[in-house]
């Protein structure tokens, strides 16, 4: 790890990259949740199946959102 001084552009780049990571993670989570839990909202399914789809959609969306944030920030860190 080096201890060089960062330029103003590099310091300004960090919050932009964090914002991009969070925004893209939220978008991905929404798409995944809608895809997995969508059938529960569209079709009349048994209550156990509806609950399973909602829980599975929420878990999948959360896990993929975290992975997306880590991936984007890790890639940004490697670039610099």
PDB file of N, CA and C in Angstrom:
ATOM      1  N   UNK A   1       0.851  -1.166   0.000  1.00  0.00           N
ATOM      2  CA  UNK A   1       0.000   0.000   0.000  1.00  0.00           C
ATOM      3  C   UNK A   1       0.904   1.238   0.000  1.00  0.00           C
ATOM      4  N   UNK A   2       0.659   2.145  -0.894  1.00  0.00           N
ATOM      5  CA  UNK A   2       1.459   3.364  -0.959  1.00  0.00           C
ATOM      6  C   UNK A   2       0.775   4.474  -0.183  1.00  0.00           C
ATOM      7  N   UNK A   3       1.564   5.478   0.162  1.00  0.00           N
ATOM      8  CA  UNK A   3       1.006   6.602   0.932  1.00  0.00           C
ATOM      9  C   UNK A   3       1.103   7.895   0.141  1.00  0.00           C
ATOM     10  N   UNK A   4       0.830   7.812  -1.148  1.00  0.00           N
ATOM     11  CA  UNK A   4       0.879   9.032  -1.958  1.00  0.00           C
ATOM     12  C   UNK A   4      -0.382   9.859  -1.736  1.00  0.00           C
ATOM     13  N   UNK A   5      -0.279  11.139  -2.014  1.00  0.00           N
ATOM     14  CA  UNK A   5      -1.430  12.035  -1.845  1.00  0.00           C
ATOM     15  C   UNK A   5      -2.380  11.873  -3.024  1.00  0.00           C
ATOM     16  N   UNK A   6      -3.663  11.906  -2.728  1.00  0.00           N
ATOM     17  CA  UNK A   6      -4.669  11.782  -3.778  1.00  0.00           C
ATOM     18  C   UNK A   6      -5.012  13.159  -4.315  1.00  0.00           C
ATOM     19  N   UNK A   7      -5.268  13.188  -5.606  1.00  0.00           N
ATOM     20  CA  UNK A   7      -5.670  14.454  -6.224  1.00  0.00           C
ATOM     21  C   UNK A   7      -7.138  14.735  -5.896  1.00  0.00           C
ATOM     22  N   UNK A   8      -7.579  15.936  -6.177  1.00  0.00           N
ATOM     23  CA  UNK A   8      -8.975  16.308  -5.931  1.00  0.00           C
ATOM     24  C   UNK A   8      -9.914  15.455  -6.783  1.00  0.00           C
ATOM     25  N   UNK A   9      -9.502  15.152  -8.008  1.00  0.00           N
ATOM     26  CA  UNK A   9     -10.339  14.315  -8.878  1.00  0.00           C
ATOM     27  C   UNK A   9     -10.506  12.913  -8.301  1.00  0.00           C
ATOM     28  N   UNK A  10      -9.446  12.360  -7.742  1.00  0.00           N
ATOM     29  CA  UNK A  10      -9.540  11.038  -7.141  1.00  0.00           C
ATOM     30  C   UNK A  10     -10.416  11.054  -5.892  1.00  0.00           C
ATOM     31  N   UNK A  11     -10.316  12.108  -5.116  1.00  0.00           N
ATOM     32  CA  UNK A  11     -11.166  12.213  -3.917  1.00  0.00           C
ATOM     33  C   UNK A  11     -12.626  12.420  -4.301  1.00  0.00           C
ATOM     34  N   UNK A  12     -12.888  13.139  -5.366  1.00  0.00           N
ATOM     35  CA  UNK A  12     -14.270  13.355  -5.807  1.00  0.00           C
ATOM     36  C   UNK A  12     -14.849  12.104  -6.445  1.00  0.00           C
ATOM     37  N   UNK A  13     -13.991  11.268  -6.962  1.00  0.00           N
ATOM     38  CA  UNK A  13     -14.424  10.055  -7.642  1.00  0.00           C
ATOM     39  C   UNK A  13     -14.999   9.026  -6.669  1.00  0.00           C
ATOM     40  N   UNK A  14     -14.534   9.016  -5.438  1.00  0.00           N
ATOM     41  CA  UNK A  14     -14.951   8.000  -4.469  1.00  0.00           C
ATOM     42  C   UNK A  14     -16.447   8.090  -4.133  1.00  0.00           C
ATOM     43  N   UNK A  15     -16.992   9.264  -3.773  1.00  0.00           N
ATOM     44  CA  UNK A  15     -18.445   9.302  -3.489  1.00  0.00           C
ATOM     45  C   UNK A  15     -19.305   8.993  -4.716  1.00  0.00           C
ATOM     46  N   UNK A  16     -18.825   9.358  -5.887  1.00  0.00           N
ATOM     47  CA  UNK A  16     -19.570   9.045  -7.105  1.00  0.00           C
ATOM     48  C   UNK A  16     -19.624   7.536  -7.307  1.00  0.00           C
ATOM     49  N   UNK A  17     -18.508   6.877  -7.086  1.00  0.00           N
ATOM     50  CA  UNK A  17     -18.464   5.424  -7.245  1.00  0.00           C
ATOM     51  C   UNK A  17     -19.332   4.728  -6.194  1.00  0.00           C
ATOM     52  N   UNK A  18     -19.332   5.221  -4.973  1.00  0.00           N
ATOM     53  CA  UNK A  18     -20.185   4.651  -3.930  1.00  0.00           C
ATOM     54  C   UNK A  18     -21.660   4.845  -4.296  1.00  0.00           C
ATOM     55  N   UNK A  19     -22.015   6.021  -4.764  1.00  0.00           N
ATOM     56  CA  UNK A  19     -23.395   6.275  -5.181  1.00  0.00           C
ATOM     57  C   UNK A  19     -23.818   5.378  -6.323  1.00  0.00           C
ATOM     58  N   UNK A  20     -22.913   5.186  -7.300  1.00  0.00           N
ATOM     59  CA  UNK A  20     -23.215   4.294  -8.420  1.00  0.00           C
ATOM     60  C   UNK A  20     -23.407   2.862  -7.922  1.00  0.00           C
ATOM     61  N   UNK A  21     -22.542   2.429  -7.008  1.00  0.00           N
ATOM     62  CA  UNK A  21     -22.647   1.067  -6.482  1.00  0.00           C
ATOM     63  C   UNK A  21     -23.987   0.867  -5.781  1.00  0.00           C
ATOM     64  N   UNK A  22     -24.385   1.820  -4.960  1.00  0.00           N
ATOM     65  CA  UNK A  22     -25.654   1.691  -4.228  1.00  0.00           C
ATOM     66  C   UNK A  22     -26.860   1.772  -5.156  1.00  0.00           C
ATOM     67  N   UNK A  23     -26.819   2.691  -6.117  1.00  0.00           N
ATOM     68  CA  UNK A  23     -27.948   2.833  -7.034  1.00  0.00           C
ATOM     69  C   UNK A  23     -28.105   1.592  -7.920  1.00  0.00           C
ATOM     70  N   UNK A  24     -27.010   1.093  -8.448  1.00  0.00           N
ATOM     71  CA  UNK A  24     -27.107  -0.096  -9.294  1.00  0.00           C
ATOM     72  C   UNK A  24     -27.515  -1.317  -8.472  1.00  0.00           C
ATOM     73  N   UNK A  25     -27.088  -1.383  -7.204  1.00  0.00           N
ATOM     74  CA  UNK A  25     -27.493  -2.495  -6.342  1.00  0.00           C
ATOM     75  C   UNK A  25     -28.995  -2.438  -6.053  1.00  0.00           C
ATOM     76  N   UNK A  26     -29.522  -1.241  -5.814  1.00  0.00           N
ATOM     77  CA  UNK A  26     -30.972  -1.103  -5.576  1.00  0.00           C
ATOM     78  C   UNK A  26     -31.770  -1.487  -6.812  1.00  0.00           C
ATOM     79  N   UNK A  27     -31.292  -1.090  -7.973  1.00  0.00           N
ATOM     80  CA  UNK A  27     -31.974  -1.445  -9.218  1.00  0.00           C
ATOM     81  C   UNK A  27     -31.960  -2.956  -9.422  1.00  0.00           C
ATOM     82  N   UNK A  28     -30.795  -3.578  -9.208  1.00  0.00           N
ATOM     83  CA  UNK A  28     -30.688  -5.026  -9.346  1.00  0.00           C
ATOM     84  C   UNK A  28     -31.598  -5.738  -8.351  1.00  0.00           C
ATOM     85  N   UNK A  29     -31.621  -5.259  -7.117  1.00  0.00           N
ATOM     86  CA  UNK A  29     -32.466  -5.875  -6.094  1.00  0.00           C
ATOM     87  C   UNK A  29     -33.945  -5.778  -6.467  1.00  0.00           C
ATOM     88  N   UNK A  30     -34.355  -4.642  -6.991  1.00  0.00           N
ATOM     89  CA  UNK A  30     -35.756  -4.476  -7.387  1.00  0.00           C
ATOM     90  C   UNK A  30     -36.132  -5.424  -8.516  1.00  0.00           C
ATOM     91  N   UNK A  31     -35.247  -5.560  -9.488  1.00  0.00           N
ATOM     92  CA  UNK A  31     -35.521  -6.457 -10.622  1.00  0.00           C
ATOM     93  C   UNK A  31     -35.585  -7.913 -10.148  1.00  0.00           C
ATOM     94  N   UNK A  32     -34.641  -8.318  -9.314  1.00  0.00           N
ATOM     95  CA  UNK A  32     -34.615  -9.696  -8.818  1.00  0.00           C
ATOM     96  C   UNK A  32     -35.850  -9.984  -7.958  1.00  0.00           C
ATOM     97  N   UNK A  33     -36.182  -9.056  -7.059  1.00  0.00           N
ATOM     98  CA  UNK A  33     -37.362  -9.263  -6.221  1.00  0.00           C
ATOM     99  C   UNK A  33     -38.626  -9.368  -7.069  1.00  0.00           C
ATOM    100  N   UNK A  34     -38.771  -8.489  -8.040  1.00  0.00           N
ATOM    101  CA  UNK A  34     -39.959  -8.520  -8.896  1.00  0.00           C
ATOM    102  C   UNK A  34     -40.023  -9.812  -9.700  1.00  0.00           C
ATOM    103  N   UNK A  35     -38.882 -10.302 -10.121  1.00  0.00           N
ATOM    104  CA  UNK A  35     -38.860 -11.535 -10.902  1.00  0.00           C
ATOM    105  C   UNK A  35     -39.234 -12.749 -10.055  1.00  0.00           C
ATOM    106  N   UNK A  36     -38.697 -12.822  -8.857  1.00  0.00           N
ATOM    107  CA  UNK A  36     -38.959 -13.990  -8.009  1.00  0.00           C
ATOM    108  C   UNK A  36     -40.331 -13.902  -7.352  1.00  0.00           C
ATOM    109  N   UNK A  37     -40.673 -12.747  -6.802  1.00  0.00           N
ATOM    110  CA  UNK A  37     -41.925 -12.621  -6.058  1.00  0.00           C
ATOM    111  C   UNK A  37     -43.099 -12.176  -6.932  1.00  0.00           C
ATOM    112  N   UNK A  38     -42.842 -11.824  -8.158  1.00  0.00           N
ATOM    113  CA  UNK A  38     -43.895 -11.355  -9.049  1.00  0.00           C
ATOM    114  C   UNK A  38     -45.057 -12.311  -9.230  1.00  0.00           C
ATOM    115  N   UNK A  39     -44.795 -13.585  -9.421  1.00  0.00           N
ATOM    116  CA  UNK A  39     -45.924 -14.511  -9.583  1.00  0.00           C
ATOM    117  C   UNK A  39     -46.889 -14.523  -8.394  1.00  0.00           C
ATOM    118  N   UNK A  40     -46.383 -14.246  -7.207  1.00  0.00           N
ATOM    119  CA  UNK A  40     -47.274 -14.201  -6.036  1.00  0.00           C
ATOM    120  C   UNK A  40     -48.247 -13.033  -6.131  1.00  0.00           C
ATOM    121  N   UNK A  41     -47.846 -11.967  -6.792  1.00  0.00           N
ATOM    122  CA  UNK A  41     -48.727 -10.807  -6.934  1.00  0.00           C
ATOM    123  C   UNK A  41     -49.685 -10.961  -8.116  1.00  0.00           C
ATOM    124  N   UNK A  42     -49.291 -11.742  -9.107  1.00  0.00           N
ATOM    125  CA  UNK A  42     -50.094 -11.856 -10.321  1.00  0.00           C
ATOM    126  C   UNK A  42     -51.109 -12.986 -10.239  1.00  0.00           C
ATOM    127  N   UNK A  43     -50.672 -14.134  -9.767  1.00  0.00           N
ATOM    128  CA  UNK A  43     -51.530 -15.307  -9.733  1.00  0.00           C
ATOM    129  C   UNK A  43     -52.014 -15.590  -8.317  1.00  0.00           C
ATOM    130  N   UNK A  44     -53.127 -16.262  -8.238  1.00  0.00           N
ATOM    131  CA  UNK A  44     -53.650 -16.686  -6.935  1.00  0.00           C
ATOM    132  C   UNK A  44     -53.009 -18.030  -6.590  1.00  0.00           C
ATOM    133  N   UNK A  45     -52.059 -17.973  -5.673  1.00  0.00           N
ATOM    134  CA  UNK A  45     -51.321 -19.164  -5.269  1.00  0.00           C
ATOM    135  C   UNK A  45     -51.654 -19.501  -3.818  1.00  0.00           C
ATOM    136  N   UNK A  46     -51.355 -20.708  -3.395  1.00  0.00           N
ATOM    137  CA  UNK A  46     -51.564 -21.050  -1.978  1.00  0.00           C
ATOM    138  C   UNK A  46     -50.729 -20.128  -1.083  1.00  0.00           C
ATOM    139  N   UNK A  47     -51.217 -19.818   0.112  1.00  0.00           N
ATOM    140  CA  UNK A  47     -50.519 -18.892   1.004  1.00  0.00           C
ATOM    141  C   UNK A  47     -49.071 -19.292   1.305  1.00  0.00           C
ATOM    142  N   UNK A  48     -48.816 -20.583   1.451  1.00  0.00           N
ATOM    143  CA  UNK A  48     -47.444 -21.025   1.741  1.00  0.00           C
ATOM    144  C   UNK A  48     -46.514 -20.716   0.570  1.00  0.00           C
ATOM    145  N   UNK A  49     -47.001 -20.893  -0.636  1.00  0.00           N
ATOM    146  CA  UNK A  49     -46.185 -20.613  -1.820  1.00  0.00           C
ATOM    147  C   UNK A  49     -45.955 -19.112  -1.955  1.00  0.00           C
ATOM    148  N   UNK A  50     -46.993 -18.323  -1.712  1.00  0.00           N
ATOM    149  CA  UNK A  50     -46.832 -16.870  -1.780  1.00  0.00           C
ATOM    150  C   UNK A  50     -45.799 -16.383  -0.773  1.00  0.00           C
ATOM    151  N   UNK A  51     -45.879 -16.890   0.448  1.00  0.00           N
ATOM    152  CA  UNK A  51     -44.917 -16.483   1.473  1.00  0.00           C
ATOM    153  C   UNK A  51     -43.502 -16.917   1.090  1.00  0.00           C
ATOM    154  N   UNK A  52     -43.366 -18.139   0.571  1.00  0.00           N
ATOM    155  CA  UNK A  52     -42.056 -18.618   0.149  1.00  0.00           C
ATOM    156  C   UNK A  52     -41.481 -17.736  -0.953  1.00  0.00           C
ATOM    157  N   UNK A  53     -42.290 -17.372  -1.928  1.00  0.00           N
ATOM    158  CA  UNK A  53     -41.796 -16.534  -3.031  1.00  0.00           C
ATOM    159  C   UNK A  53     -41.371 -15.152  -2.524  1.00  0.00           C
ATOM    160  N   UNK A  54     -42.131 -14.580  -1.611  1.00  0.00           N
ATOM    161  CA  UNK A  54     -41.767 -13.275  -1.059  1.00  0.00           C
ATOM    162  C   UNK A  54     -40.463 -13.336  -0.263  1.00  0.00           C
ATOM    163  N   UNK A  55     -40.331 -14.358   0.562  1.00  0.00           N
ATOM    164  CA  UNK A  55     -39.107 -14.495   1.364  1.00  0.00           C
ATOM    165  C   UNK A  55     -37.913 -14.807   0.465  1.00  0.00           C
ATOM    166  N   UNK A  56     -38.082 -15.708  -0.480  1.00  0.00           N
ATOM    167  CA  UNK A  56     -36.994 -16.058  -1.387  1.00  0.00           C
ATOM    168  C   UNK A  56     -36.585 -14.855  -2.231  1.00  0.00           C
ATOM    169  N   UNK A  57     -37.561 -14.090  -2.685  1.00  0.00           N
ATOM    170  CA  UNK A  57     -37.255 -12.892  -3.466  1.00  0.00           C
ATOM    171  C   UNK A  57     -36.503 -11.857  -2.659  1.00  0.00           C
ATOM    172  N   UNK A  58     -36.908 -11.676  -1.406  1.00  0.00           N
ATOM    173  CA  UNK A  58     -36.225 -10.707  -0.548  1.00  0.00           C
ATOM    174  C   UNK A  58     -34.792 -11.142  -0.256  1.00  0.00           C
ATOM    175  N   UNK A  59     -34.602 -12.420   0.054  1.00  0.00           N
ATOM    176  CA  UNK A  59     -33.252 -12.913   0.332  1.00  0.00           C
ATOM    177  C   UNK A  59     -32.367 -12.818  -0.905  1.00  0.00           C
ATOM    178  N   UNK A  60     -32.873 -13.241  -2.042  1.00  0.00           N
ATOM    179  CA  UNK A  60     -32.074 -13.192  -3.269  1.00  0.00           C
ATOM    180  C   UNK A  60     -31.724 -11.751  -3.621  1.00  0.00           C
ATOM    181  N   UNK A  61     -32.665 -10.855  -3.474  1.00  0.00           N
ATOM    182  CA  UNK A  61     -32.419  -9.448  -3.786  1.00  0.00           C
ATOM    183  C   UNK A  61     -31.371  -8.864  -2.851  1.00  0.00           C
ATOM    184  N   UNK A  62     -31.454  -9.167  -1.569  1.00  0.00           N
ATOM    185  CA  UNK A  62     -30.492  -8.630  -0.607  1.00  0.00           C
ATOM    186  C   UNK A  62     -29.086  -9.165  -0.860  1.00  0.00           C
ATOM    187  N   UNK A  63     -28.985 -10.456  -1.091  1.00  0.00           N
ATOM    188  CA  UNK A  63     -27.663 -11.053  -1.319  1.00  0.00           C
ATOM    189  C   UNK A  63     -27.035 -10.500  -2.588  1.00  0.00           C
ATOM    190  N   UNK A  64     -27.799 -10.421  -3.659  1.00  0.00           N
ATOM    191  CA  UNK A  64     -27.246  -9.914  -4.911  1.00  0.00           C
ATOM    192  C   UNK A  64     -26.917  -8.423  -4.823  1.00  0.00           C
ATOM    193  N   UNK A  65     -27.669  -7.668  -4.054  1.00  0.00           N
ATOM    194  CA  UNK A  65     -27.358  -6.242  -3.887  1.00  0.00           C
ATOM    195  C   UNK A  65     -26.024  -6.064  -3.169  1.00  0.00           C
ATOM    196  N   UNK A  66     -25.807  -6.849  -2.126  1.00  0.00           N
ATOM    197  CA  UNK A  66     -24.530  -6.766  -1.405  1.00  0.00           C
ATOM    198  C   UNK A  66     -23.377  -7.177  -2.315  1.00  0.00           C
ATOM    199  N   UNK A  67     -23.569  -8.248  -3.067  1.00  0.00           N
ATOM    200  CA  UNK A  67     -22.526  -8.688  -4.001  1.00  0.00           C
ATOM    201  C   UNK A  67     -22.234  -7.603  -5.026  1.00  0.00           C
ATOM    202  N   UNK A  68     -23.262  -6.930  -5.505  1.00  0.00           N
ATOM    203  CA  UNK A  68     -23.072  -5.868  -6.503  1.00  0.00           C
ATOM    204  C   UNK A  68     -22.261  -4.710  -5.924  1.00  0.00           C
ATOM    205  N   UNK A  69     -22.586  -4.274  -4.718  1.00  0.00           N
ATOM    206  CA  UNK A  69     -21.851  -3.175  -4.090  1.00  0.00           C
ATOM    207  C   UNK A  69     -20.385  -3.560  -3.902  1.00  0.00           C
ATOM    208  N   UNK A  70     -20.144  -4.753  -3.393  1.00  0.00           N
ATOM    209  CA  UNK A  70     -18.768  -5.201  -3.182  1.00  0.00           C
ATOM    210  C   UNK A  70     -18.017  -5.280  -4.508  1.00  0.00           C
ATOM    211  N   UNK A  71     -18.663  -5.807  -5.526  1.00  0.00           N
ATOM    212  CA  UNK A  71     -18.017  -5.941  -6.835  1.00  0.00           C
ATOM    213  C   UNK A  71     -17.637  -4.588  -7.422  1.00  0.00           C
ATOM    214  N   UNK A  72     -18.550  -3.650  -7.399  1.00  0.00           N
ATOM    215  CA  UNK A  72     -18.277  -2.326  -7.978  1.00  0.00           C
ATOM    216  C   UNK A  72     -17.165  -1.619  -7.211  1.00  0.00           C
ATOM    217  N   UNK A  73     -17.234  -1.646  -5.890  1.00  0.00           N
ATOM    218  CA  UNK A  73     -16.213  -0.954  -5.100  1.00  0.00           C
ATOM    219  C   UNK A  73     -14.862  -1.660  -5.186  1.00  0.00           C
ATOM    220  N   UNK A  74     -14.861  -2.977  -5.276  1.00  0.00           N
ATOM    221  CA  UNK A  74     -13.616  -3.713  -5.414  1.00  0.00           C
ATOM    222  C   UNK A  74     -12.958  -3.380  -6.749  1.00  0.00           C
ATOM    223  N   UNK A  75     -13.770  -3.345  -7.805  1.00  0.00           N
ATOM    224  CA  UNK A  75     -13.244  -3.012  -9.136  1.00  0.00           C
ATOM    225  C   UNK A  75     -12.699  -1.588  -9.148  1.00  0.00           C
ATOM    226  N   UNK A  76     -13.360  -0.683  -8.461  1.00  0.00           N
ATOM    227  CA  UNK A  76     -12.887   0.698  -8.385  1.00  0.00           C
ATOM    228  C   UNK A  76     -11.560   0.763  -7.634  1.00  0.00           C
ATOM    229  N   UNK A  77     -11.434   0.001  -6.560  1.00  0.00           N
ATOM    230  CA  UNK A  77     -10.199  -0.021  -5.788  1.00  0.00           C
ATOM    231  C   UNK A  77      -9.028  -0.592  -6.566  1.00  0.00           C
ATOM    232  N   UNK A  78      -9.285  -1.604  -7.372  1.00  0.00           N
ATOM    233  CA  UNK A  78      -8.213  -2.186  -8.179  1.00  0.00           C
ATOM    234  C   UNK A  78      -7.726  -1.233  -9.270  1.00  0.00           C
ATOM    235  N   UNK A  79      -8.641  -0.411  -9.751  1.00  0.00           N
ATOM    236  CA  UNK A  79      -8.296   0.530 -10.820  1.00  0.00           C
ATOM    237  C   UNK A  79      -7.311   1.586 -10.321  1.00  0.00           C
ATOM    238  N   UNK A  80      -7.383   1.894  -9.053  1.00  0.00           N
ATOM    239  CA  UNK A  80      -6.508   2.943  -8.507  1.00  0.00           C
ATOM    240  C   UNK A  80      -5.484   2.293  -7.699  1.00  0.00           C
TER     241      UNK A  80
END
